[in-house]
N, C-alpha and C. Protein backbone atom coordinates (compact mmCIF):
# COMPACT_ATOMS: atom_id res chain seq x y z
N UNK A 1 1.00 -1.34 -0.15
CA UNK A 1 -0.07 0.10 0.08
C UNK A 1 0.73 1.32 0.56
N UNK A 2 0.26 2.01 -0.90
CA UNK A 2 1.67 3.32 -0.84
C UNK A 2 0.73 4.53 0.01
N UNK A 3 2.28 5.21 0.85
CA UNK A 3 1.86 6.37 1.15
C UNK A 3 1.83 7.55 0.93
N UNK A 4 2.26 7.43 -0.26
CA UNK A 4 2.12 8.72 -0.92
C UNK A 4 0.37 9.51 -0.89
N UNK A 5 0.75 10.96 -0.88
CA UNK A 5 -0.79 11.50 -1.26
C UNK A 5 -1.41 11.11 -2.42
N UNK A 6 -2.58 11.17 -2.96
CA UNK A 6 -3.10 10.67 -4.07
C UNK A 6 -2.83 12.14 -4.61
N UNK A 7 -2.61 12.22 -5.94
CA UNK A 7 -2.58 13.64 -6.63
C UNK A 7 -3.72 13.93 -6.94
N UNK A 8 -3.98 15.16 -7.09
CA UNK A 8 -5.33 16.01 -7.38
C UNK A 8 -5.23 15.85 -8.99
N UNK A 9 -6.73 15.64 -9.34
CA UNK A 9 -7.14 15.59 -10.63
C UNK A 9 -6.54 16.68 -11.89
N UNK A 10 -6.59 17.80 -10.85
CA UNK A 10 -6.13 19.42 -11.83
C UNK A 10 -4.68 18.81 -12.19
N UNK A 11 -3.85 18.29 -11.00
CA UNK A 11 -2.29 18.39 -11.11
C UNK A 11 -2.30 17.12 -12.59
N UNK A 12 -2.83 16.13 -12.83
CA UNK A 12 -2.86 15.15 -13.78
C UNK A 12 -3.01 15.66 -15.07
N UNK A 13 -4.27 16.84 -14.84
CA UNK A 13 -4.68 17.22 -15.84
C UNK A 13 -3.47 18.31 -16.56
N UNK A 14 -3.09 19.09 -15.52
CA UNK A 14 -2.15 20.21 -16.09
C UNK A 14 -0.90 19.27 -16.44
N UNK A 15 -0.25 18.05 -16.14
CA UNK A 15 0.76 17.40 -16.56
C UNK A 15 0.34 16.91 -17.84
N UNK A 16 -0.43 16.65 -18.53
CA UNK A 16 -0.98 15.89 -19.70
C UNK A 16 -1.25 17.13 -20.52
N UNK A 17 -1.31 17.81 -20.25
CA UNK A 17 -1.44 19.12 -21.08
C UNK A 17 0.08 19.85 -21.38
N UNK A 18 0.83 19.51 -20.53
CA UNK A 18 2.06 20.11 -20.71
C UNK A 18 3.18 19.07 -21.43
N UNK A 19 2.73 17.83 -21.34
CA UNK A 19 3.02 16.94 -22.29
C UNK A 19 2.74 17.12 -23.86
N UNK A 20 1.61 17.37 -23.55
CA UNK A 20 0.93 17.80 -24.97
C UNK A 20 1.74 19.03 -25.94
N UNK A 21 1.81 19.93 -24.78
CA UNK A 21 2.31 21.18 -25.38
C UNK A 21 3.80 21.13 -25.36
N UNK A 22 4.60 20.17 -25.12
CA UNK A 22 6.14 20.43 -25.10
C UNK A 22 6.78 20.98 -24.05
N UNK A 23 5.81 20.91 -22.56
CA UNK A 23 6.04 21.54 -21.56
C UNK A 23 6.19 23.05 -21.44
N UNK A 24 5.62 23.64 -22.37
CA UNK A 24 5.17 25.03 -22.17
C UNK A 24 3.92 25.41 -21.19
N UNK A 25 4.53 26.16 -20.53
CA UNK A 25 3.64 27.07 -19.04
C UNK A 25 2.48 27.91 -19.69
N UNK A 26 2.40 28.52 -21.48
CA UNK A 26 1.27 28.64 -21.89
C UNK A 26 0.99 28.15 -23.34
N UNK A 27 0.10 28.15 -24.40
CA UNK A 27 0.11 27.98 -25.86
C UNK A 27 -0.87 29.19 -26.06
N UNK A 28 -0.64 29.08 -27.51
CA UNK A 28 -1.48 30.38 -28.29
C UNK A 28 -2.91 29.68 -28.27
N UNK A 29 -3.94 30.50 -28.49
CA UNK A 29 -4.87 30.04 -28.32
C UNK A 29 -5.65 29.10 -29.36
N UNK A 30 -4.76 29.18 -31.01
CA UNK A 30 -5.38 28.48 -32.11
C UNK A 30 -5.07 27.33 -31.64
N UNK A 31 -3.95 27.15 -30.63
CA UNK A 31 -3.43 25.57 -30.42
C UNK A 31 -4.59 24.80 -29.37
N UNK A 32 -5.32 25.20 -28.64
CA UNK A 32 -5.73 24.90 -27.64
C UNK A 32 -7.52 25.08 -27.58
N UNK A 33 -8.07 25.76 -29.06
CA UNK A 33 -9.45 26.07 -28.65
C UNK A 33 -10.51 25.07 -28.49
N UNK A 34 -9.98 24.10 -28.79
CA UNK A 34 -11.14 22.66 -29.04
C UNK A 34 -11.19 22.22 -27.42
N UNK A 35 -9.99 22.33 -26.66
CA UNK A 35 -10.60 22.50 -25.39
C UNK A 35 -11.51 22.97 -24.45
N UNK A 36 -11.62 24.38 -25.46
CA UNK A 36 -12.98 25.18 -24.71
C UNK A 36 -13.85 25.08 -25.41
N UNK A 37 -14.27 24.00 -26.30
CA UNK A 37 -15.43 23.80 -26.79
C UNK A 37 -15.76 24.34 -28.13
N UNK A 38 -14.57 24.80 -28.90
CA UNK A 38 -14.85 25.40 -30.06
C UNK A 38 -14.45 25.03 -31.31
N UNK A 39 -15.55 24.69 -32.37
CA UNK A 39 -14.67 24.04 -33.46
C UNK A 39 -13.91 24.65 -34.27
N UNK A 40 -13.71 25.97 -34.05
CA UNK A 40 -12.87 26.24 -35.05
C UNK A 40 -11.76 27.62 -34.07
N UNK A 41 -10.55 27.97 -34.45
CA UNK A 41 -9.96 28.87 -33.74
C UNK A 41 -10.43 30.35 -33.99
N UNK A 42 -10.85 30.54 -35.20
CA UNK A 42 -11.47 31.90 -35.72
C UNK A 42 -12.43 32.07 -34.87
N UNK A 43 -13.44 31.00 -34.16
CA UNK A 43 -14.47 31.49 -33.23
C UNK A 43 -14.11 32.12 -31.93
N UNK A 44 -13.18 31.14 -31.89
CA UNK A 44 -12.49 31.12 -30.07
C UNK A 44 -11.69 32.65 -30.11
N UNK A 45 -11.26 32.99 -31.03
CA UNK A 45 -10.45 34.25 -31.16
C UNK A 45 -11.53 35.68 -31.62
N UNK A 46 -12.49 35.60 -31.83
CA UNK A 46 -13.93 36.44 -31.96
C UNK A 46 -14.59 36.65 -30.42
N UNK A 47 -14.70 35.48 -29.88
CA UNK A 47 -15.02 35.53 -28.67
C UNK A 47 -13.85 36.09 -27.86
N UNK A 48 -12.58 35.69 -27.94
CA UNK A 48 -11.85 36.59 -27.17
C UNK A 48 -11.39 37.82 -27.04
N UNK A 49 -12.06 38.63 -28.14
CA UNK A 49 -11.61 39.81 -28.62
C UNK A 49 -13.17 40.49 -28.03
N UNK A 50 -14.04 39.78 -27.96
CA UNK A 50 -15.56 40.25 -27.25
C UNK A 50 -15.50 39.86 -25.39
N UNK A 51 -14.14 39.18 -24.62
CA UNK A 51 -13.80 38.51 -23.91
C UNK A 51 -15.10 38.23 -23.20
N UNK A 52 -15.54 36.75 -24.15
CA UNK A 52 -16.32 35.81 -24.14
C UNK A 52 -15.74 34.37 -23.77
N UNK A 53 -14.70 34.23 -23.60
CA UNK A 53 -14.05 33.32 -23.05
C UNK A 53 -14.55 32.64 -21.70
N UNK A 54 -14.12 31.60 -21.28
CA UNK A 54 -14.45 31.06 -20.03
C UNK A 54 -12.72 30.89 -19.46
N UNK A 55 -11.88 31.11 -19.84
CA UNK A 55 -10.76 31.23 -19.42
C UNK A 55 -9.80 32.45 -19.54
N UNK A 56 -9.16 32.82 -18.79
CA UNK A 56 -8.49 34.35 -19.12
C UNK A 56 -7.20 34.04 -20.07
N UNK A 57 -7.20 35.27 -21.21
CA UNK A 57 -6.53 34.63 -22.07
C UNK A 57 -5.36 36.35 -22.31
N UNK A 58 -4.25 36.15 -22.43
CA UNK A 58 -3.33 37.22 -22.85
C UNK A 58 -2.48 37.35 -23.81
N UNK A 59 -1.84 38.26 -24.10
CA UNK A 59 -0.87 38.69 -24.77
C UNK A 59 0.55 38.80 -24.61
N UNK A 60 1.57 38.53 -25.01
CA UNK A 60 2.80 38.20 -24.27
C UNK A 60 3.30 39.49 -24.59
N UNK A 61 2.67 40.29 -25.21
CA UNK A 61 3.43 41.78 -25.49
C UNK A 61 2.19 42.59 -26.08
N UNK A 62 2.60 43.96 -25.50
CA UNK A 62 1.45 45.15 -25.59
C UNK A 62 1.25 45.11 -27.22
N UNK A 63 0.79 44.50 -28.12
CA UNK A 63 0.41 44.82 -29.29
C UNK A 63 -0.52 43.61 -29.89
N UNK A 64 -1.77 44.34 -30.49
CA UNK A 64 -2.74 43.43 -31.09
C UNK A 64 -2.11 42.54 -32.09
N UNK A 65 -0.68 42.65 -32.73
CA UNK A 65 -0.30 41.52 -33.25
C UNK A 65 -0.13 40.20 -32.56
N UNK A 66 0.28 40.33 -31.45
CA UNK A 66 0.58 39.58 -30.54
C UNK A 66 -0.13 38.27 -30.32
N UNK A 67 0.27 37.32 -30.83
CA UNK A 67 -1.00 35.86 -30.63
C UNK A 67 -1.66 36.04 -28.74
N UNK A 68 -2.67 35.96 -28.97
CA UNK A 68 -3.32 35.28 -27.63
C UNK A 68 -2.94 33.80 -27.55
N UNK A 69 -2.28 34.23 -25.94
CA UNK A 69 -2.03 32.76 -25.21
C UNK A 69 -3.17 32.59 -23.77
N UNK A 70 -2.95 31.29 -23.69
CA UNK A 70 -3.96 30.59 -22.34
C UNK A 70 -2.84 30.15 -21.44
N UNK A 71 -2.79 30.15 -20.43
CA UNK A 71 -2.07 29.40 -19.45
C UNK A 71 -2.71 28.13 -19.21
N UNK A 72 -1.82 27.13 -19.67
CA UNK A 72 -1.87 25.78 -18.78
C UNK A 72 -2.94 25.56 -18.15
N UNK A 73 -2.36 26.14 -16.76
CA UNK A 73 -3.14 26.06 -15.33
C UNK A 73 -4.39 26.49 -15.31
N UNK A 74 -4.78 27.46 -16.07
CA UNK A 74 -5.98 28.09 -16.20
C UNK A 74 -6.70 26.64 -17.20
N UNK A 75 -6.37 26.22 -18.27
CA UNK A 75 -7.11 25.50 -19.28
C UNK A 75 -7.33 23.80 -18.48
N UNK A 76 -6.23 23.63 -17.59
CA UNK A 76 -6.78 22.42 -16.66
C UNK A 76 -7.59 22.57 -15.72
N UNK A 77 -7.59 23.76 -15.10
CA UNK A 77 -8.63 24.31 -14.12
C UNK A 77 -10.01 24.02 -14.94
N UNK A 78 -10.36 24.60 -16.17
CA UNK A 78 -11.40 24.54 -16.94
C UNK A 78 -12.02 23.02 -17.62
N UNK A 79 -10.67 22.46 -17.80
CA UNK A 79 -11.33 21.06 -18.13
C UNK A 79 -11.88 20.50 -17.09
N UNK A 80 -11.12 20.25 -15.77
CA UNK A 80 -11.55 19.54 -14.52
C UNK A 80 -12.73 20.22 -14.14
N UNK A 81 -12.99 21.31 -14.27
CA UNK A 81 -14.46 21.69 -13.89
C UNK A 81 -15.59 21.19 -14.42
N UNK A 82 -15.49 21.07 -15.80
CA UNK A 82 -16.53 20.77 -16.95
C UNK A 82 -16.53 18.99 -16.62
N UNK A 83 -15.23 18.13 -16.29
CA UNK A 83 -15.13 16.93 -16.14
C UNK A 83 -15.79 16.46 -14.79
N UNK A 84 -15.79 17.37 -13.95
CA UNK A 84 -16.42 17.09 -12.50
C UNK A 84 -17.75 17.23 -12.58
N UNK A 85 -18.54 17.94 -13.09
CA UNK A 85 -19.89 18.46 -13.21
C UNK A 85 -20.44 17.24 -14.27
N UNK A 86 -19.53 16.78 -15.19
CA UNK A 86 -20.34 15.94 -15.49
C UNK A 86 -20.52 14.18 -15.03
N UNK A 87 -19.62 14.26 -14.13
CA UNK A 87 -19.54 12.85 -13.32
C UNK A 87 -20.79 13.39 -12.35
N UNK A 88 -20.47 14.13 -11.35
CA UNK A 88 -21.45 14.89 -10.81
C UNK A 88 -23.10 14.42 -10.95
N UNK A 89 -23.07 14.99 -12.53
CA UNK A 89 -24.32 14.50 -13.20
C UNK A 89 -24.66 12.90 -13.58
N UNK A 90 -23.85 12.29 -14.01
CA UNK A 90 -23.80 10.97 -14.13
C UNK A 90 -24.04 10.10 -12.85
N UNK A 91 -23.30 10.75 -11.66
CA UNK A 91 -23.70 9.77 -10.36
C UNK A 91 -25.44 10.17 -10.08
N UNK A 92 -26.15 11.31 -10.23
CA UNK A 92 -27.51 11.46 -9.98
C UNK A 92 -28.33 10.82 -10.69
N UNK A 93 -27.87 10.66 -11.98
CA UNK A 93 -28.76 10.07 -13.12
C UNK A 93 -28.74 8.32 -12.78
N UNK A 94 -27.78 8.25 -12.20
CA UNK A 94 -27.65 6.17 -12.25
C UNK A 94 -27.64 5.82 -10.88
N UNK A 95 -27.84 7.11 -9.78
CA UNK A 95 -28.15 7.01 -8.53
C UNK A 95 -27.18 6.26 -7.69
N UNK A 96 -25.52 7.28 -8.13
CA UNK A 96 -24.40 6.37 -7.66
C UNK A 96 -23.92 7.77 -6.67
N UNK A 97 -23.59 7.32 -5.20
CA UNK A 97 -22.87 8.34 -4.43
C UNK A 97 -21.88 9.00 -4.83
N UNK A 98 -21.51 10.39 -4.74
CA UNK A 98 -20.24 11.01 -5.09
C UNK A 98 -19.25 10.69 -4.83
């Protein structure tokens, strides 16, 4: 039996995202828009312009030509929040304890 503390899901999600994006702490919005539920990067960019994204995004420089970036920690929190809500709903439907 292991005595090490169990890793939090967000930590696992963050490490998996970092592996996918080659260890970068933040990635361009156009590379991760699908994790935010968008079909196209253009739609995600439009919502970012209108401040409609569910995660914070930023530009690495003070220029409109700079790419919009998403920090992977924020993206991991977003993914885990929706996964937890889906688990809760599943458990309610199937009468399982959380």
